């Protein structure tokens, strides 16, 4: 799949990839959700399915905050206050910690909710935006 070049293509890509992702995540047994079983977002690090969801939650919520701040005319610090682009591994670890308190089912519910908010945000904007 190439990079979407229109709002419609972007929404279609989000819908397809999110649907596939959720289908895979819903097959993870809750008792294995915190087992580090896949390569992480920093070299040499292993993460769990719960960490992956936390990472996705963190980035999706961050993008929504960027858009909200920009809409209000506020300065947006990229990628996040206190982090530089060469510190994305540290930012990933922050995301893992931010959502550590949520159980597997609530992580999935929250991921679906942030995806819904992102789709609404994209839908409400013009193609040029």
N, C-alpha and C. Protein backbone atom coordinates (compact mmCIF):
# COMPACT_ATOMS: atom_id res chain seq x y z
N UNK A 1 0.85 -1.17 0.00
CA UNK A 1 0.00 0.00 0.00
C UNK A 1 0.90 1.24 0.00
N UNK A 2 0.63 2.13 -0.93
CA UNK A 2 1.41 3.36 -1.02
C UNK A 2 0.92 4.40 -0.02
N UNK A 3 1.57 5.52 -0.03
CA UNK A 3 1.19 6.63 0.84
C UNK A 3 -0.10 7.24 0.30
N UNK A 4 -1.12 7.39 1.14
CA UNK A 4 -2.38 7.99 0.68
C UNK A 4 -2.14 9.41 0.14
N UNK A 5 -2.82 9.73 -0.95
CA UNK A 5 -2.67 11.05 -1.56
C UNK A 5 -3.94 11.88 -1.49
N UNK A 6 -4.96 11.36 -0.83
CA UNK A 6 -6.20 12.11 -0.66
C UNK A 6 -6.80 11.75 0.69
N UNK A 7 -7.73 12.56 1.10
CA UNK A 7 -8.43 12.31 2.37
C UNK A 7 -9.15 10.96 2.30
N UNK A 8 -9.78 10.65 1.19
CA UNK A 8 -10.49 9.39 1.03
C UNK A 8 -9.53 8.20 1.13
N UNK A 9 -8.39 8.29 0.45
CA UNK A 9 -7.41 7.22 0.53
C UNK A 9 -6.87 7.06 1.95
N UNK A 10 -6.67 8.18 2.64
CA UNK A 10 -6.18 8.12 4.02
C UNK A 10 -7.20 7.42 4.92
N UNK A 11 -8.46 7.81 4.81
CA UNK A 11 -9.51 7.18 5.63
C UNK A 11 -9.65 5.69 5.30
N UNK A 12 -9.54 5.34 4.02
CA UNK A 12 -9.61 3.93 3.63
C UNK A 12 -8.44 3.15 4.21
N UNK A 13 -7.23 3.73 4.15
CA UNK A 13 -6.04 3.07 4.69
C UNK A 13 -6.16 2.89 6.20
N UNK A 14 -6.63 3.91 6.89
CA UNK A 14 -6.80 3.81 8.35
C UNK A 14 -7.81 2.72 8.67
N UNK A 15 -8.91 2.71 7.97
CA UNK A 15 -9.95 1.71 8.22
C UNK A 15 -9.43 0.29 7.99
N UNK A 16 -8.76 0.08 6.87
CA UNK A 16 -8.27 -1.26 6.55
C UNK A 16 -7.20 -1.72 7.53
N UNK A 17 -6.19 -0.88 7.75
CA UNK A 17 -5.09 -1.31 8.62
C UNK A 17 -5.54 -1.44 10.07
N UNK A 18 -6.41 -0.54 10.52
CA UNK A 18 -6.88 -0.65 11.90
C UNK A 18 -7.74 -1.90 12.08
N UNK A 19 -8.57 -2.17 11.11
CA UNK A 19 -9.39 -3.39 11.19
C UNK A 19 -8.54 -4.64 11.27
N UNK A 20 -7.51 -4.71 10.44
CA UNK A 20 -6.60 -5.86 10.48
C UNK A 20 -5.86 -5.95 11.81
N UNK A 21 -5.39 -4.80 12.29
CA UNK A 21 -4.68 -4.76 13.57
C UNK A 21 -5.57 -5.24 14.71
N UNK A 22 -6.79 -4.71 14.79
CA UNK A 22 -7.68 -5.11 15.88
C UNK A 22 -8.03 -6.59 15.81
N UNK A 23 -8.18 -7.10 14.61
CA UNK A 23 -8.45 -8.53 14.45
C UNK A 23 -7.31 -9.35 15.04
N UNK A 24 -6.09 -8.94 14.78
CA UNK A 24 -4.93 -9.64 15.34
C UNK A 24 -4.86 -9.48 16.86
N UNK A 25 -5.06 -8.27 17.33
CA UNK A 25 -4.94 -8.01 18.77
C UNK A 25 -6.02 -8.73 19.57
N UNK A 26 -7.21 -8.84 19.02
CA UNK A 26 -8.30 -9.51 19.74
C UNK A 26 -8.06 -11.01 19.90
N UNK A 27 -7.13 -11.55 19.14
CA UNK A 27 -6.78 -12.97 19.26
C UNK A 27 -5.75 -13.23 20.35
N UNK A 28 -5.17 -12.18 20.91
CA UNK A 28 -4.17 -12.34 21.96
C UNK A 28 -4.90 -12.67 23.27
N UNK A 29 -4.59 -13.82 23.88
CA UNK A 29 -5.20 -14.14 25.16
C UNK A 29 -4.75 -13.13 26.23
N UNK A 30 -5.67 -12.65 27.05
CA UNK A 30 -5.32 -11.64 28.07
C UNK A 30 -4.14 -12.06 28.95
N UNK A 31 -3.99 -13.34 29.22
CA UNK A 31 -2.90 -13.79 30.09
C UNK A 31 -1.54 -13.68 29.40
N UNK A 32 -1.51 -13.49 28.09
CA UNK A 32 -0.25 -13.33 27.36
C UNK A 32 0.00 -11.89 26.92
N UNK A 33 -0.92 -11.02 27.20
CA UNK A 33 -0.84 -9.64 26.72
C UNK A 33 0.37 -8.88 27.26
N UNK A 34 0.88 -9.26 28.41
CA UNK A 34 2.03 -8.57 28.99
C UNK A 34 3.33 -9.38 28.86
N UNK A 35 3.31 -10.41 28.04
CA UNK A 35 4.50 -11.22 27.81
C UNK A 35 5.33 -10.59 26.69
N UNK A 36 6.56 -10.25 26.99
CA UNK A 36 7.45 -9.64 25.99
C UNK A 36 7.82 -10.70 24.95
N UNK A 37 7.21 -10.61 23.79
CA UNK A 37 7.36 -11.65 22.78
C UNK A 37 7.68 -11.13 21.39
N UNK A 38 7.89 -9.81 21.27
CA UNK A 38 8.19 -9.26 19.94
C UNK A 38 9.25 -8.17 20.06
N UNK A 39 9.91 -7.92 18.93
CA UNK A 39 10.94 -6.90 18.90
C UNK A 39 10.34 -5.53 19.22
N UNK A 40 11.06 -4.77 20.03
CA UNK A 40 10.56 -3.48 20.49
C UNK A 40 10.89 -2.33 19.59
N UNK A 41 10.59 -1.15 20.07
CA UNK A 41 10.78 0.08 19.32
C UNK A 41 12.15 0.71 19.54
N UNK A 42 12.96 0.06 20.35
CA UNK A 42 14.35 0.47 20.55
C UNK A 42 15.21 -0.77 20.35
N UNK A 43 16.40 -0.57 19.83
CA UNK A 43 17.29 -1.69 19.51
C UNK A 43 17.50 -2.60 20.72
N UNK A 44 17.37 -3.90 20.48
CA UNK A 44 17.64 -4.89 21.51
C UNK A 44 16.56 -5.03 22.57
N UNK A 45 15.43 -4.40 22.38
CA UNK A 45 14.37 -4.42 23.38
C UNK A 45 13.22 -5.32 22.92
N UNK A 46 12.69 -6.10 23.84
CA UNK A 46 11.52 -6.92 23.57
C UNK A 46 10.31 -6.26 24.24
N UNK A 47 9.18 -6.31 23.55
CA UNK A 47 7.96 -5.73 24.11
C UNK A 47 6.82 -6.75 24.06
N UNK A 48 5.78 -6.42 24.78
CA UNK A 48 4.59 -7.26 24.82
C UNK A 48 3.51 -6.67 23.90
N UNK A 49 2.48 -7.45 23.60
CA UNK A 49 1.36 -6.88 22.86
C UNK A 49 0.77 -5.65 23.56
N UNK A 50 0.73 -5.67 24.89
CA UNK A 50 0.22 -4.51 25.63
C UNK A 50 1.11 -3.29 25.41
N UNK A 51 2.42 -3.50 25.35
CA UNK A 51 3.33 -2.39 25.06
C UNK A 51 3.09 -1.84 23.65
N UNK A 52 2.85 -2.73 22.69
CA UNK A 52 2.57 -2.29 21.33
C UNK A 52 1.33 -1.41 21.31
N UNK A 53 0.28 -1.84 22.00
CA UNK A 53 -0.95 -1.04 22.04
C UNK A 53 -0.69 0.29 22.73
N UNK A 54 0.08 0.28 23.82
CA UNK A 54 0.44 1.53 24.51
C UNK A 54 1.18 2.47 23.57
N UNK A 55 2.09 1.94 22.79
CA UNK A 55 2.84 2.72 21.81
C UNK A 55 1.90 3.36 20.80
N UNK A 56 0.99 2.57 20.28
CA UNK A 56 0.02 3.09 19.30
C UNK A 56 -0.90 4.13 19.93
N UNK A 57 -1.34 3.87 21.14
CA UNK A 57 -2.16 4.85 21.87
C UNK A 57 -1.39 6.15 22.05
N UNK A 58 -0.16 6.03 22.49
CA UNK A 58 0.65 7.22 22.73
C UNK A 58 0.80 8.07 21.49
N UNK A 59 1.14 7.45 20.36
CA UNK A 59 1.32 8.21 19.12
C UNK A 59 0.01 8.79 18.61
N UNK A 60 -1.06 8.01 18.66
CA UNK A 60 -2.34 8.52 18.18
C UNK A 60 -2.82 9.70 19.01
N UNK A 61 -2.70 9.59 20.32
CA UNK A 61 -3.11 10.69 21.19
C UNK A 61 -2.20 11.90 21.00
N UNK A 62 -0.92 11.65 20.74
CA UNK A 62 0.02 12.74 20.49
C UNK A 62 -0.34 13.49 19.21
N UNK A 63 -0.64 12.76 18.15
CA UNK A 63 -1.04 13.40 16.89
C UNK A 63 -2.30 14.24 17.10
N UNK A 64 -3.26 13.72 17.84
CA UNK A 64 -4.48 14.49 18.11
C UNK A 64 -4.17 15.76 18.90
N UNK A 65 -3.25 15.67 19.86
CA UNK A 65 -2.85 16.88 20.61
C UNK A 65 -2.16 17.88 19.70
N UNK A 66 -1.30 17.41 18.79
CA UNK A 66 -0.65 18.32 17.84
C UNK A 66 -1.71 19.09 17.06
N UNK A 67 -2.69 18.38 16.55
CA UNK A 67 -3.73 19.01 15.74
C UNK A 67 -4.56 19.99 16.56
N UNK A 68 -4.92 19.60 17.78
CA UNK A 68 -5.71 20.48 18.64
C UNK A 68 -4.93 21.75 18.99
N UNK A 69 -3.67 21.60 19.33
CA UNK A 69 -2.84 22.77 19.66
C UNK A 69 -2.68 23.68 18.44
N UNK A 70 -2.44 23.09 17.29
CA UNK A 70 -2.29 23.87 16.07
C UNK A 70 -3.60 24.61 15.75
N UNK A 71 -4.72 23.94 15.93
CA UNK A 71 -6.03 24.58 15.68
C UNK A 71 -6.24 25.79 16.59
N UNK A 72 -5.69 25.73 17.80
CA UNK A 72 -5.83 26.86 18.75
C UNK A 72 -4.75 27.92 18.54
N UNK A 73 -3.87 27.68 17.57
CA UNK A 73 -2.79 28.63 17.30
C UNK A 73 -1.65 28.55 18.30
N UNK A 74 -1.57 27.46 19.03
CA UNK A 74 -0.51 27.28 20.02
C UNK A 74 0.73 26.67 19.36
N UNK A 75 1.86 26.88 19.97
CA UNK A 75 3.10 26.27 19.50
C UNK A 75 3.04 24.77 19.77
N UNK A 76 3.42 24.00 18.78
CA UNK A 76 3.46 22.55 18.92
C UNK A 76 4.91 22.12 19.00
N UNK A 77 5.27 21.45 20.08
CA UNK A 77 6.63 20.93 20.23
C UNK A 77 6.68 19.51 19.67
N UNK A 78 7.54 19.32 18.70
CA UNK A 78 7.66 18.00 18.07
C UNK A 78 8.92 17.30 18.54
N UNK A 79 8.91 16.00 18.78
CA UNK A 79 7.72 15.19 18.75
C UNK A 79 6.86 15.35 20.00
N UNK A 80 7.47 15.66 21.13
CA UNK A 80 6.74 15.86 22.38
C UNK A 80 7.61 16.69 23.31
N UNK A 81 6.99 17.44 24.18
CA UNK A 81 7.73 18.25 25.13
C UNK A 81 8.72 17.36 25.90
N UNK A 82 9.98 17.76 25.87
CA UNK A 82 11.01 17.02 26.59
C UNK A 82 11.70 15.94 25.78
N UNK A 83 11.26 15.75 24.53
CA UNK A 83 11.85 14.71 23.68
C UNK A 83 12.27 15.32 22.35
N UNK A 84 13.37 14.79 21.81
CA UNK A 84 13.83 15.18 20.49
C UNK A 84 13.60 14.00 19.55
N UNK A 85 13.67 14.26 18.25
CA UNK A 85 13.43 13.20 17.27
C UNK A 85 14.42 12.05 17.41
N UNK A 86 15.60 12.30 17.95
CA UNK A 86 16.56 11.21 18.12
C UNK A 86 16.36 10.47 19.45
N UNK A 87 15.26 10.75 20.13
CA UNK A 87 14.94 10.09 21.40
C UNK A 87 13.62 9.33 21.35
N UNK A 88 13.28 8.83 20.17
CA UNK A 88 11.99 8.15 20.02
C UNK A 88 11.91 6.86 20.83
N UNK A 89 13.05 6.22 21.06
CA UNK A 89 13.06 5.03 21.92
C UNK A 89 12.63 5.38 23.34
N UNK A 90 13.11 6.51 23.83
CA UNK A 90 12.71 6.98 25.17
C UNK A 90 11.23 7.36 25.19
N UNK A 91 10.77 7.97 24.11
CA UNK A 91 9.35 8.33 24.04
C UNK A 91 8.49 7.06 24.03
N UNK A 92 8.92 6.04 23.32
CA UNK A 92 8.20 4.76 23.32
C UNK A 92 8.12 4.21 24.75
N UNK A 93 9.22 4.26 25.48
CA UNK A 93 9.22 3.77 26.86
C UNK A 93 8.26 4.58 27.74
N UNK A 94 8.16 5.88 27.47
CA UNK A 94 7.20 6.71 28.20
C UNK A 94 5.77 6.24 27.91
N UNK A 95 5.49 5.95 26.64
CA UNK A 95 4.16 5.47 26.28
C UNK A 95 3.86 4.15 26.99
N UNK A 96 4.83 3.22 27.03
CA UNK A 96 4.61 1.95 27.72
C UNK A 96 4.22 2.20 29.18
N UNK A 97 4.95 3.11 29.83
CA UNK A 97 4.69 3.41 31.24
C UNK A 97 3.36 4.12 31.43
N UNK A 98 3.01 5.01 30.50
CA UNK A 98 1.76 5.78 30.61
C UNK A 98 0.53 4.89 30.68
N UNK A 99 0.57 3.75 30.03
CA UNK A 99 -0.61 2.88 29.93
C UNK A 99 -0.45 1.56 30.68
N UNK A 100 0.60 1.44 31.47
CA UNK A 100 0.89 0.21 32.21
C UNK A 100 -0.26 -0.18 33.14
N UNK A 101 -0.99 0.81 33.62
CA UNK A 101 -2.06 0.56 34.60
C UNK A 101 -3.33 -0.04 33.99
N UNK A 102 -3.44 -0.02 32.66
CA UNK A 102 -4.65 -0.52 32.01
C UNK A 102 -4.53 -2.02 31.73
N UNK A 103 -5.61 -2.75 31.96
CA UNK A 103 -5.60 -4.17 31.61
C UNK A 103 -5.81 -4.31 30.10
N UNK A 104 -5.64 -5.51 29.60
CA UNK A 104 -5.67 -5.77 28.16
C UNK A 104 -6.96 -5.28 27.51
N UNK A 105 -8.09 -5.63 28.09
CA UNK A 105 -9.37 -5.25 27.50
C UNK A 105 -9.51 -3.73 27.44
N UNK A 106 -9.12 -3.04 28.49
CA UNK A 106 -9.22 -1.58 28.49
C UNK A 106 -8.23 -0.93 27.53
N UNK A 107 -7.07 -1.54 27.34
CA UNK A 107 -6.14 -1.03 26.32
C UNK A 107 -6.78 -1.09 24.94
N UNK A 108 -7.43 -2.22 24.64
CA UNK A 108 -8.08 -2.36 23.33
C UNK A 108 -9.24 -1.40 23.16
N UNK A 109 -10.01 -1.21 24.21
CA UNK A 109 -11.12 -0.26 24.17
C UNK A 109 -10.60 1.15 23.92
N UNK A 110 -9.55 1.49 24.62
CA UNK A 110 -8.98 2.83 24.47
C UNK A 110 -8.37 3.03 23.08
N UNK A 111 -7.74 1.98 22.53
CA UNK A 111 -7.19 2.08 21.18
C UNK A 111 -8.31 2.29 20.16
N UNK A 112 -9.39 1.56 20.30
CA UNK A 112 -10.53 1.74 19.38
C UNK A 112 -11.09 3.16 19.50
N UNK A 113 -11.15 3.68 20.72
CA UNK A 113 -11.68 5.03 20.93
C UNK A 113 -10.79 6.10 20.32
N UNK A 114 -9.48 5.97 20.47
CA UNK A 114 -8.57 6.97 19.89
C UNK A 114 -8.58 6.87 18.38
N UNK A 115 -8.73 5.67 17.84
CA UNK A 115 -8.84 5.52 16.40
C UNK A 115 -10.10 6.22 15.90
N UNK A 116 -11.19 6.06 16.62
CA UNK A 116 -12.45 6.71 16.25
C UNK A 116 -12.29 8.23 16.25
N UNK A 117 -11.62 8.76 17.27
CA UNK A 117 -11.38 10.21 17.34
C UNK A 117 -10.51 10.68 16.18
N UNK A 118 -9.51 9.89 15.83
CA UNK A 118 -8.63 10.25 14.72
C UNK A 118 -9.41 10.26 13.40
N UNK A 119 -10.25 9.26 13.18
CA UNK A 119 -11.06 9.20 11.97
C UNK A 119 -12.02 10.39 11.92
N UNK A 120 -12.63 10.72 13.05
CA UNK A 120 -13.51 11.89 13.09
C UNK A 120 -12.75 13.17 12.76
N UNK A 121 -11.55 13.29 13.29
CA UNK A 121 -10.73 14.48 13.04
C UNK A 121 -10.36 14.58 11.57
N UNK A 122 -9.94 13.48 10.98
CA UNK A 122 -9.59 13.48 9.55
C UNK A 122 -10.84 13.82 8.73
N UNK A 123 -11.95 13.20 9.07
CA UNK A 123 -13.19 13.40 8.32
C UNK A 123 -13.67 14.83 8.35
N UNK A 124 -13.40 15.53 9.45
CA UNK A 124 -13.90 16.89 9.61
C UNK A 124 -13.04 17.92 8.89
N UNK A 125 -11.91 17.51 8.37
CA UNK A 125 -10.99 18.43 7.72
C UNK A 125 -11.11 18.36 6.21
N UNK A 126 -10.64 19.40 5.56
CA UNK A 126 -10.65 19.42 4.10
C UNK A 126 -9.51 18.56 3.56
N UNK A 127 -9.60 18.28 2.29
CA UNK A 127 -8.51 17.52 1.64
C UNK A 127 -7.18 18.23 1.81
N UNK A 128 -7.17 19.53 1.62
CA UNK A 128 -5.92 20.30 1.72
C UNK A 128 -5.34 20.28 3.13
N UNK A 129 -6.21 20.29 4.13
CA UNK A 129 -5.70 20.23 5.50
C UNK A 129 -5.04 18.90 5.75
